Amino acid sequence: MDAPVDDDAKLMLAYAHGELSAFDALYARHRGTLYRFLLRTTRDSRLAEELFQDTWSRVIAARTRYTPQARFSTWLLQIAHNLLIDSHRRKRPMATGEDAEHALANLAGPDHEQPEHVLSEFERRRRLQRAIEALPDEQRTAVLLRLENDLSVEDIAQVTGVGRETAKSRLRYAMNRLREQLAE
């Protein structure tokens, strides 16, 4: 059973028929989410940028073959995840985490609250980021897809190319580890 055609899928289909402004709209909607996913998954800004460009190049190349079988965001993240796997196969990226911490700090946006609250919120986010960084790769990917991209277990399974139960298990183990680390 095919998923209903959402606004993003309609834009992608319009782009496939030559409407360039449709691509601009898709890019504007998904560039931040895609880049954050890649940056936090790779923990390397140079590699994230390279994979970001490669993902959009693949979207452009696949425009005439695109069929809306899942949400556009799921399809986009699946392309990015596959490129990420290919990259890991070529070489394992350096895991400094500094760029990811910087990106997480920027997610909060401007905060006009009391300095003590801002500091405690910053520290909470920093602890969460470190806990996510400490997860095994498969669990970290599942958590990032769930928390930052609001994907369902089925979508996470599709993006990562595993069965639903495997995706559910990775997510459950990751969330349990995060709870344990943040409770300390």
N, C-alpha and C. Protein backbone atom coordinates (compact mmCIF):
# COMPACT_ATOMS: atom_id res chain seq x y z
N MET A 1 0.85 -1.17 0.00
CA MET A 1 0.00 0.00 0.00
C MET A 1 0.89 1.23 0.00
N ASP A 2 0.69 2.15 -0.92
CA ASP A 2 1.48 3.36 -1.02
C ASP A 2 1.01 4.39 0.00
N ALA A 3 1.99 5.17 0.47
CA ALA A 3 1.68 6.25 1.39
C ALA A 3 1.00 7.38 0.63
N PRO A 4 0.14 8.16 1.31
CA PRO A 4 -0.47 9.29 0.61
C PRO A 4 0.61 10.28 0.18
N VAL A 5 0.37 10.96 -0.91
CA VAL A 5 1.33 11.91 -1.43
C VAL A 5 1.29 13.16 -0.57
N ASP A 6 2.39 13.46 0.14
CA ASP A 6 2.45 14.65 0.98
C ASP A 6 2.94 15.85 0.17
N ASP A 7 2.99 17.01 0.81
CA ASP A 7 3.42 18.23 0.13
C ASP A 7 4.82 18.10 -0.45
N ASP A 8 5.73 17.48 0.31
CA ASP A 8 7.10 17.31 -0.17
C ASP A 8 7.13 16.41 -1.41
N ALA A 9 6.35 15.36 -1.39
CA ALA A 9 6.31 14.47 -2.55
C ALA A 9 5.75 15.21 -3.76
N LYS A 10 4.75 16.04 -3.55
CA LYS A 10 4.20 16.83 -4.65
C LYS A 10 5.26 17.78 -5.21
N LEU A 11 6.04 18.37 -4.32
CA LEU A 11 7.13 19.25 -4.77
C LEU A 11 8.17 18.46 -5.56
N MET A 12 8.51 17.27 -5.08
CA MET A 12 9.51 16.46 -5.79
C MET A 12 8.98 16.05 -7.17
N LEU A 13 7.72 15.70 -7.25
CA LEU A 13 7.13 15.35 -8.54
C LEU A 13 7.10 16.56 -9.48
N ALA A 14 6.82 17.73 -8.93
CA ALA A 14 6.84 18.97 -9.74
C ALA A 14 8.26 19.24 -10.23
N TYR A 15 9.23 19.02 -9.37
CA TYR A 15 10.63 19.21 -9.77
C TYR A 15 11.00 18.23 -10.89
N ALA A 16 10.53 17.00 -10.78
CA ALA A 16 10.80 16.00 -11.82
C ALA A 16 10.24 16.44 -13.17
N HIS A 17 9.20 17.27 -13.13
CA HIS A 17 8.60 17.77 -14.37
C HIS A 17 9.15 19.14 -14.77
N GLY A 18 10.29 19.51 -14.18
CA GLY A 18 10.98 20.71 -14.61
C GLY A 18 10.73 21.98 -13.83
N GLU A 19 9.98 21.90 -12.75
CA GLU A 19 9.70 23.09 -11.95
C GLU A 19 10.83 23.29 -10.93
N LEU A 20 11.80 24.13 -11.28
CA LEU A 20 12.98 24.32 -10.45
C LEU A 20 12.68 24.94 -9.09
N SER A 21 11.66 25.75 -9.01
CA SER A 21 11.31 26.37 -7.72
C SER A 21 10.85 25.31 -6.71
N ALA A 22 10.35 24.19 -7.20
CA ALA A 22 9.94 23.10 -6.31
C ALA A 22 11.16 22.52 -5.58
N PHE A 23 12.28 22.39 -6.30
CA PHE A 23 13.50 21.91 -5.66
C PHE A 23 13.97 22.91 -4.61
N ASP A 24 13.92 24.19 -4.94
CA ASP A 24 14.33 25.22 -3.99
C ASP A 24 13.52 25.12 -2.69
N ALA A 25 12.23 24.86 -2.82
CA ALA A 25 11.37 24.73 -1.64
C ALA A 25 11.75 23.49 -0.82
N LEU A 26 12.00 22.37 -1.50
CA LEU A 26 12.41 21.15 -0.79
C LEU A 26 13.74 21.37 -0.07
N TYR A 27 14.68 21.99 -0.76
CA TYR A 27 15.99 22.24 -0.18
C TYR A 27 15.85 23.13 1.06
N ALA A 28 15.07 24.17 0.95
CA ALA A 28 14.88 25.08 2.09
C ALA A 28 14.24 24.36 3.28
N ARG A 29 13.30 23.47 3.02
CA ARG A 29 12.62 22.74 4.09
C ARG A 29 13.51 21.73 4.80
N HIS A 30 14.41 21.08 4.05
CA HIS A 30 15.10 19.91 4.59
C HIS A 30 16.60 20.08 4.79
N ARG A 31 17.18 21.20 4.37
CA ARG A 31 18.64 21.33 4.47
C ARG A 31 19.13 21.29 5.91
N GLY A 32 18.46 21.98 6.81
CA GLY A 32 18.90 22.01 8.20
C GLY A 32 18.82 20.65 8.87
N THR A 33 17.69 20.00 8.68
CA THR A 33 17.48 18.68 9.28
C THR A 33 18.49 17.68 8.74
N LEU A 34 18.70 17.69 7.43
CA LEU A 34 19.63 16.75 6.82
C LEU A 34 21.05 17.01 7.30
N TYR A 35 21.47 18.26 7.32
CA TYR A 35 22.84 18.56 7.73
C TYR A 35 23.06 18.19 9.19
N ARG A 36 22.10 18.52 10.08
CA ARG A 36 22.25 18.16 11.49
C ARG A 36 22.35 16.65 11.65
N PHE A 37 21.52 15.91 10.93
CA PHE A 37 21.59 14.45 11.01
C PHE A 37 22.97 13.95 10.61
N LEU A 38 23.48 14.46 9.50
CA LEU A 38 24.79 14.01 9.02
C LEU A 38 25.91 14.44 9.96
N LEU A 39 25.85 15.66 10.45
CA LEU A 39 26.89 16.16 11.35
C LEU A 39 26.91 15.37 12.64
N ARG A 40 25.75 15.14 13.21
CA ARG A 40 25.71 14.43 14.49
C ARG A 40 25.98 12.95 14.33
N THR A 41 25.74 12.41 13.16
CA THR A 41 26.02 10.99 12.93
C THR A 41 27.50 10.79 12.63
N THR A 42 28.09 11.67 11.82
CA THR A 42 29.50 11.51 11.45
C THR A 42 30.46 12.10 12.47
N ARG A 43 30.02 13.16 13.15
CA ARG A 43 30.85 13.90 14.10
C ARG A 43 32.07 14.50 13.41
N ASP A 44 31.92 14.85 12.14
CA ASP A 44 33.00 15.43 11.34
C ASP A 44 32.38 16.41 10.35
N SER A 45 32.61 17.71 10.55
CA SER A 45 31.94 18.71 9.72
C SER A 45 32.31 18.61 8.25
N ARG A 46 33.57 18.28 7.95
CA ARG A 46 33.99 18.15 6.56
C ARG A 46 33.25 16.99 5.88
N LEU A 47 33.21 15.85 6.56
CA LEU A 47 32.52 14.68 6.01
C LEU A 47 31.02 14.94 5.91
N ALA A 48 30.45 15.60 6.91
CA ALA A 48 29.02 15.91 6.89
C ALA A 48 28.69 16.79 5.69
N GLU A 49 29.52 17.78 5.43
CA GLU A 49 29.31 18.67 4.28
C GLU A 49 29.40 17.90 2.96
N GLU A 50 30.37 17.02 2.87
CA GLU A 50 30.53 16.20 1.66
C GLU A 50 29.32 15.30 1.44
N LEU A 51 28.87 14.64 2.49
CA LEU A 51 27.70 13.75 2.38
C LEU A 51 26.43 14.55 2.12
N PHE A 52 26.35 15.74 2.68
CA PHE A 52 25.21 16.63 2.45
C PHE A 52 25.10 16.95 0.96
N GLN A 53 26.22 17.35 0.36
CA GLN A 53 26.24 17.66 -1.08
C GLN A 53 25.92 16.42 -1.91
N ASP A 54 26.51 15.28 -1.54
CA ASP A 54 26.27 14.04 -2.28
C ASP A 54 24.80 13.62 -2.20
N THR A 55 24.18 13.82 -1.04
CA THR A 55 22.77 13.46 -0.88
C THR A 55 21.90 14.29 -1.82
N TRP A 56 22.12 15.60 -1.85
CA TRP A 56 21.32 16.44 -2.74
C TRP A 56 21.62 16.14 -4.20
N SER A 57 22.86 15.78 -4.50
CA SER A 57 23.18 15.38 -5.88
C SER A 57 22.41 14.13 -6.28
N ARG A 58 22.28 13.20 -5.34
CA ARG A 58 21.52 11.98 -5.62
C ARG A 58 20.03 12.29 -5.80
N VAL A 59 19.52 13.22 -5.02
CA VAL A 59 18.10 13.62 -5.16
C VAL A 59 17.89 14.20 -6.55
N ILE A 60 18.80 15.06 -6.97
CA ILE A 60 18.70 15.66 -8.31
C ILE A 60 18.77 14.60 -9.39
N ALA A 61 19.71 13.67 -9.24
CA ALA A 61 19.88 12.62 -10.24
C ALA A 61 18.67 11.68 -10.30
N ALA A 62 18.00 11.49 -9.16
CA ALA A 62 16.88 10.53 -9.09
C ALA A 62 15.53 11.18 -9.35
N ARG A 63 15.49 12.45 -9.68
CA ARG A 63 14.21 13.16 -9.77
C ARG A 63 13.25 12.52 -10.77
N THR A 64 13.73 12.01 -11.88
CA THR A 64 12.83 11.44 -12.89
C THR A 64 12.37 10.04 -12.50
N ARG A 65 13.08 9.39 -11.58
CA ARG A 65 12.70 8.04 -11.13
C ARG A 65 11.94 8.05 -9.81
N TYR A 66 11.79 9.21 -9.21
CA TYR A 66 11.17 9.31 -7.89
C TYR A 66 9.71 8.88 -7.94
N THR A 67 9.34 8.02 -6.98
CA THR A 67 7.93 7.65 -6.77
C THR A 67 7.66 7.77 -5.27
N PRO A 68 6.59 8.45 -4.89
CA PRO A 68 6.31 8.67 -3.46
C PRO A 68 5.79 7.41 -2.76
N GLN A 69 6.72 6.53 -2.35
CA GLN A 69 6.32 5.32 -1.63
C GLN A 69 6.42 5.50 -0.12
N ALA A 70 7.14 6.53 0.32
CA ALA A 70 7.28 6.88 1.74
C ALA A 70 7.33 8.39 1.81
N ARG A 71 7.36 8.92 3.04
CA ARG A 71 7.51 10.37 3.17
C ARG A 71 8.81 10.80 2.49
N PHE A 72 8.82 11.98 1.90
CA PHE A 72 10.01 12.48 1.25
C PHE A 72 11.18 12.53 2.22
N SER A 73 10.94 12.97 3.45
CA SER A 73 12.02 13.07 4.43
C SER A 73 12.63 11.70 4.73
N THR A 74 11.81 10.67 4.75
CA THR A 74 12.32 9.31 4.96
C THR A 74 13.21 8.90 3.80
N TRP A 75 12.75 9.17 2.58
CA TRP A 75 13.53 8.86 1.38
C TRP A 75 14.85 9.62 1.38
N LEU A 76 14.81 10.90 1.72
CA LEU A 76 16.01 11.73 1.76
C LEU A 76 17.01 11.20 2.79
N LEU A 77 16.52 10.89 3.99
CA LEU A 77 17.40 10.37 5.03
C LEU A 77 17.94 8.98 4.70
N GLN A 78 17.17 8.21 3.95
CA GLN A 78 17.64 6.89 3.52
C GLN A 78 18.81 7.05 2.56
N ILE A 79 18.73 8.01 1.64
CA ILE A 79 19.84 8.29 0.73
C ILE A 79 21.07 8.69 1.54
N ALA A 80 20.87 9.61 2.49
CA ALA A 80 21.98 10.07 3.32
C ALA A 80 22.58 8.93 4.13
N HIS A 81 21.74 8.10 4.69
CA HIS A 81 22.23 6.97 5.49
C HIS A 81 23.04 6.00 4.63
N ASN A 82 22.56 5.72 3.43
CA ASN A 82 23.31 4.82 2.54
C ASN A 82 24.67 5.41 2.16
N LEU A 83 24.71 6.70 1.91
CA LEU A 83 26.00 7.36 1.63
C LEU A 83 26.91 7.31 2.86
N LEU A 84 26.31 7.44 4.02
CA LEU A 84 27.07 7.36 5.27
C LEU A 84 27.69 5.98 5.45
N ILE A 85 26.91 4.95 5.17
CA ILE A 85 27.43 3.58 5.26
C ILE A 85 28.59 3.39 4.27
N ASP A 86 28.41 3.87 3.04
CA ASP A 86 29.49 3.78 2.05
C ASP A 86 30.74 4.48 2.55
N SER A 87 30.57 5.63 3.17
CA SER A 87 31.69 6.39 3.70
C SER A 87 32.39 5.63 4.82
N HIS A 88 31.62 5.00 5.71
CA HIS A 88 32.20 4.20 6.79
C HIS A 88 32.98 3.02 6.23
N ARG A 89 32.49 2.46 5.16
CA ARG A 89 33.20 1.33 4.55
C ARG A 89 34.55 1.77 3.99
N ARG A 90 34.59 3.00 3.43
CA ARG A 90 35.85 3.51 2.88
C ARG A 90 36.84 3.82 3.99
N LYS A 91 36.38 4.54 5.00
CA LYS A 91 37.23 4.85 6.14
C LYS A 91 36.38 5.32 7.30
N ARG A 92 36.81 5.03 8.47
CA ARG A 92 36.08 5.41 9.68
C ARG A 92 36.40 6.87 10.01
N PRO A 93 35.38 7.73 10.18
CA PRO A 93 35.65 9.14 10.46
C PRO A 93 36.20 9.37 11.87
N MET A 94 36.93 10.47 12.05
CA MET A 94 37.44 10.87 13.36
C MET A 94 36.26 11.32 14.22
N ALA A 95 36.28 10.96 15.47
CA ALA A 95 35.15 11.27 16.35
C ALA A 95 35.56 12.26 17.43
N THR A 96 35.66 13.54 17.08
CA THR A 96 36.02 14.55 18.07
C THR A 96 34.81 15.01 18.85
N GLY A 97 33.68 15.16 18.19
CA GLY A 97 32.46 15.58 18.86
C GLY A 97 32.34 17.08 19.06
N GLU A 98 33.41 17.86 18.82
CA GLU A 98 33.34 19.31 19.04
C GLU A 98 32.32 19.97 18.12
N ASP A 99 32.34 19.61 16.84
CA ASP A 99 31.38 20.20 15.91
C ASP A 99 29.95 19.83 16.27
N ALA A 100 29.75 18.59 16.71
CA ALA A 100 28.40 18.16 17.08
C ALA A 100 27.91 18.92 18.32
N GLU A 101 28.79 19.12 19.29
CA GLU A 101 28.40 19.89 20.48
C GLU A 101 28.03 21.32 20.09
N HIS A 102 28.81 21.90 19.18
CA HIS A 102 28.53 23.25 18.71
C HIS A 102 27.16 23.29 18.02
N ALA A 103 26.91 22.30 17.17
CA ALA A 103 25.63 22.24 16.46
C ALA A 103 24.47 22.07 17.44
N LEU A 104 24.64 21.24 18.46
CA LEU A 104 23.59 21.05 19.46
C LEU A 104 23.33 22.33 20.23
N ALA A 105 24.39 23.05 20.58
CA ALA A 105 24.23 24.31 21.31
C ALA A 105 23.45 25.31 20.47
N ASN A 106 23.66 25.29 19.15
CA ASN A 106 22.96 26.21 18.27
C ASN A 106 21.50 25.83 18.06
N LEU A 107 21.14 24.59 18.35
CA LEU A 107 19.75 24.16 18.19
C LEU A 107 18.83 24.89 19.16
N ALA A 108 19.36 25.28 20.29
CA ALA A 108 18.54 25.91 21.32
C ALA A 108 18.00 27.26 20.88
N GLY A 109 18.75 27.98 20.06
CA GLY A 109 18.31 29.28 19.60
C GLY A 109 18.48 30.33 20.68
N PRO A 110 18.07 31.55 20.41
CA PRO A 110 18.23 32.61 21.40
C PRO A 110 17.35 32.38 22.62
N ASP A 111 17.93 32.58 23.77
CA ASP A 111 17.20 32.34 25.01
C ASP A 111 17.32 33.58 25.86
N HIS A 112 16.21 34.19 26.23
CA HIS A 112 16.21 35.43 26.98
C HIS A 112 15.83 35.20 28.43
N GLU A 113 16.14 34.02 28.96
CA GLU A 113 15.78 33.72 30.33
C GLU A 113 16.92 34.08 31.28
N GLN A 114 16.73 33.77 32.54
CA GLN A 114 17.74 34.07 33.55
C GLN A 114 19.04 33.32 33.25
N PRO A 115 20.21 33.93 33.52
CA PRO A 115 21.50 33.29 33.23
C PRO A 115 21.65 31.91 33.87
N GLU A 116 21.14 31.74 35.10
CA GLU A 116 21.26 30.43 35.77
C GLU A 116 20.51 29.35 34.99
N HIS A 117 19.31 29.72 34.51
CA HIS A 117 18.50 28.76 33.75
C HIS A 117 19.17 28.45 32.42
N VAL A 118 19.72 29.46 31.78
CA VAL A 118 20.40 29.26 30.50
C VAL A 118 21.57 28.31 30.69
N LEU A 119 22.35 28.52 31.76
CA LEU A 119 23.49 27.66 32.03
C LEU A 119 23.04 26.23 32.31
N SER A 120 21.99 26.05 33.12
CA SER A 120 21.53 24.70 33.42
C SER A 120 20.98 24.03 32.16
N GLU A 121 20.30 24.77 31.31
CA GLU A 121 19.79 24.21 30.05
C GLU A 121 20.96 23.83 29.14
N PHE A 122 21.97 24.69 29.09
CA PHE A 122 23.16 24.38 28.29
C PHE A 122 23.83 23.11 28.81
N GLU A 123 23.97 23.01 30.12
CA GLU A 123 24.62 21.84 30.72
C GLU A 123 23.80 20.58 30.45
N ARG A 124 22.47 20.70 30.54
CA ARG A 124 21.61 19.53 30.27
C ARG A 124 21.79 19.07 28.83
N ARG A 125 21.79 20.02 27.89
CA ARG A 125 21.98 19.67 26.49
C ARG A 125 23.37 19.08 26.25
N ARG A 126 24.34 19.63 26.94
CA ARG A 126 25.70 19.12 26.78
C ARG A 126 25.80 17.68 27.29
N ARG A 127 25.17 17.40 28.42
CA ARG A 127 25.17 16.04 28.95
C ARG A 127 24.46 15.09 28.00
N LEU A 128 23.32 15.54 27.45
CA LEU A 128 22.59 14.71 26.49
C LEU A 128 23.45 14.44 25.25
N GLN A 129 24.12 15.49 24.75
CA GLN A 129 24.97 15.31 23.57
C GLN A 129 26.07 14.30 23.85
N ARG A 130 26.70 14.40 24.99
CA ARG A 130 27.77 13.45 25.34
C ARG A 130 27.23 12.04 25.47
N ALA A 131 26.06 11.91 26.04
CA ALA A 131 25.45 10.58 26.18
C ALA A 131 25.12 10.01 24.80
N ILE A 132 24.61 10.83 23.90
CA ILE A 132 24.33 10.37 22.53
C ILE A 132 25.62 9.98 21.83
N GLU A 133 26.67 10.78 22.02
CA GLU A 133 27.97 10.50 21.41
C GLU A 133 28.51 9.14 21.85
N ALA A 134 28.22 8.76 23.09
CA ALA A 134 28.76 7.53 23.65
C ALA A 134 28.03 6.27 23.17
N LEU A 135 26.89 6.45 22.52
CA LEU A 135 26.12 5.29 22.05
C LEU A 135 26.85 4.60 20.90
N PRO A 136 26.65 3.29 20.76
CA PRO A 136 27.16 2.60 19.55
C PRO A 136 26.52 3.22 18.30
N ASP A 137 27.21 3.14 17.18
CA ASP A 137 26.78 3.80 15.95
C ASP A 137 25.32 3.52 15.58
N GLU A 138 24.91 2.25 15.61
CA GLU A 138 23.55 1.91 15.19
C GLU A 138 22.51 2.52 16.11
N GLN A 139 22.79 2.51 17.42
CA GLN A 139 21.86 3.08 18.39
C GLN A 139 21.83 4.60 18.26
N ARG A 140 23.00 5.22 18.07
CA ARG A 140 23.05 6.68 17.92
C ARG A 140 22.24 7.12 16.70
N THR A 141 22.39 6.40 15.59
CA THR A 141 21.63 6.73 14.38
C THR A 141 20.13 6.62 14.64
N ALA A 142 19.71 5.56 15.29
CA ALA A 142 18.28 5.37 15.57
C ALA A 142 17.75 6.50 16.45
N VAL A 143 18.50 6.88 17.48
CA VAL A 143 18.07 7.95 18.38
C VAL A 143 17.99 9.28 17.63
N LEU A 144 18.98 9.58 16.83
CA LEU A 144 18.97 10.85 16.10
C LEU A 144 17.81 10.90 15.11
N LEU A 145 17.53 9.79 14.44
CA LEU A 145 16.40 9.76 13.52
C LEU A 145 15.08 9.96 14.26
N ARG A 146 14.99 9.42 15.47
CA ARG A 146 13.76 9.55 16.25
C ARG A 146 13.62 10.94 16.87
N LEU A 147 14.66 11.39 17.56
CA LEU A 147 14.57 12.64 18.31
C LEU A 147 14.62 13.87 17.42
N GLU A 148 15.49 13.87 16.43
CA GLU A 148 15.66 15.08 15.62
C GLU A 148 14.78 15.09 14.38
N ASN A 149 14.43 13.93 13.88
CA ASN A 149 13.65 13.87 12.64
C ASN A 149 12.25 13.34 12.86
N ASP A 150 11.94 12.96 14.11
CA ASP A 150 10.61 12.51 14.49
C ASP A 150 10.11 11.36 13.60
N LEU A 151 11.03 10.44 13.27
CA LEU A 151 10.65 9.30 12.44
C LEU A 151 10.05 8.20 13.30
N SER A 152 9.12 7.47 12.73
CA SER A 152 8.53 6.32 13.40
C SER A 152 9.52 5.16 13.36
N VAL A 153 9.25 4.13 14.13
CA VAL A 153 10.09 2.94 14.12
C VAL A 153 10.15 2.35 12.71
N GLU A 154 9.01 2.34 12.03
CA GLU A 154 8.97 1.81 10.66
C GLU A 154 9.86 2.63 9.73
N ASP A 155 9.81 3.96 9.86
CA ASP A 155 10.64 4.82 9.03
C ASP A 155 12.13 4.64 9.35
N ILE A 156 12.45 4.49 10.65
CA ILE A 156 13.84 4.26 11.05
C ILE A 156 14.33 2.95 10.44
N ALA A 157 13.48 1.93 10.47
CA ALA A 157 13.85 0.65 9.87
C ALA A 157 14.11 0.80 8.37
N GLN A 158 13.26 1.56 7.71
CA GLN A 158 13.42 1.76 6.27
C GLN A 158 14.69 2.55 5.97
N VAL A 159 14.94 3.62 6.71
CA VAL A 159 16.13 4.44 6.48
C VAL A 159 17.40 3.63 6.69
N THR A 160 17.44 2.84 7.76
CA THR A 160 18.66 2.11 8.10
C THR A 160 18.75 0.74 7.43
N GLY A 161 17.69 0.31 6.76
CA GLY A 161 17.73 -0.95 6.03
C GLY A 161 17.70 -2.19 6.90
N VAL A 162 17.02 -2.08 8.05
CA VAL A 162 16.88 -3.24 8.94
C VAL A 162 15.40 -3.51 9.17
N GLY A 163 15.12 -4.62 9.82
CA GLY A 163 13.73 -4.96 10.14
C GLY A 163 13.18 -4.06 11.23
N ARG A 164 11.86 -4.02 11.31
CA ARG A 164 11.18 -3.17 12.29
C ARG A 164 11.61 -3.52 13.71
N GLU A 165 11.67 -4.79 14.04
CA GLU A 165 12.03 -5.21 15.40
C GLU A 165 13.47 -4.83 15.73
N THR A 166 14.36 -4.91 14.76
CA THR A 166 15.76 -4.50 14.98
C THR A 166 15.82 -3.01 15.26
N ALA A 167 15.11 -2.22 14.47
CA ALA A 167 15.08 -0.77 14.70
C ALA A 167 14.49 -0.46 16.07
N LYS A 168 13.42 -1.14 16.42
CA LYS A 168 12.76 -0.93 17.71
C LYS A 168 13.71 -1.29 18.86
N SER A 169 14.42 -2.38 18.71
CA SER A 169 15.37 -2.83 19.73
C SER A 169 16.52 -1.83 19.88
N ARG A 170 17.07 -1.35 18.77
CA ARG A 170 18.15 -0.37 18.83
C ARG A 170 17.69 0.90 19.54
N LEU A 171 16.50 1.31 19.23
CA LEU A 171 15.95 2.52 19.83
C LEU A 171 15.72 2.32 21.33
N ARG A 172 15.18 1.17 21.69
CA ARG A 172 14.92 0.88 23.10
C ARG A 172 16.22 0.82 23.90
N TYR A 173 17.23 0.11 23.38
CA TYR A 173 18.51 0.03 24.08
C TYR A 173 19.15 1.41 24.19
N ALA A 174 19.08 2.19 23.14
CA ALA A 174 19.66 3.53 23.16
C ALA A 174 18.98 4.41 24.20
N MET A 175 17.66 4.39 24.23
CA MET A 175 16.92 5.23 25.18
C MET A 175 17.22 4.79 26.62
N ASN A 176 17.33 3.49 26.84
CA ASN A 176 17.67 3.01 28.18
C ASN A 176 19.06 3.48 28.60
N ARG A 177 20.02 3.41 27.69
CA ARG A 177 21.37 3.86 28.00
C ARG A 177 21.40 5.36 28.26
N LEU A 178 20.63 6.12 27.47
CA LEU A 178 20.57 7.56 27.69
C LEU A 178 19.98 7.89 29.07
N ARG A 179 18.92 7.19 29.43
CA ARG A 179 18.29 7.42 30.74
C ARG A 179 19.27 7.12 31.86
N GLU A 180 20.00 5.99 31.73
CA GLU A 180 20.98 5.61 32.75
C GLU A 180 22.07 6.67 32.88
N GLN A 181 22.61 7.12 31.73
CA GLN A 181 23.70 8.09 31.78
C GLN A 181 23.24 9.44 32.30
N LEU A 182 22.04 9.85 31.95
CA LEU A 182 21.56 11.15 32.40
C LEU A 182 21.11 11.12 33.86
N ALA A 183 20.80 9.93 34.39
CA ALA A 183 20.39 9.81 35.78
C ALA A 183 21.59 9.90 36.72
N GLU A 184 22.79 9.63 36.21
CA GLU A 184 24.00 9.65 37.03
C GLU A 184 24.31 11.04 37.53
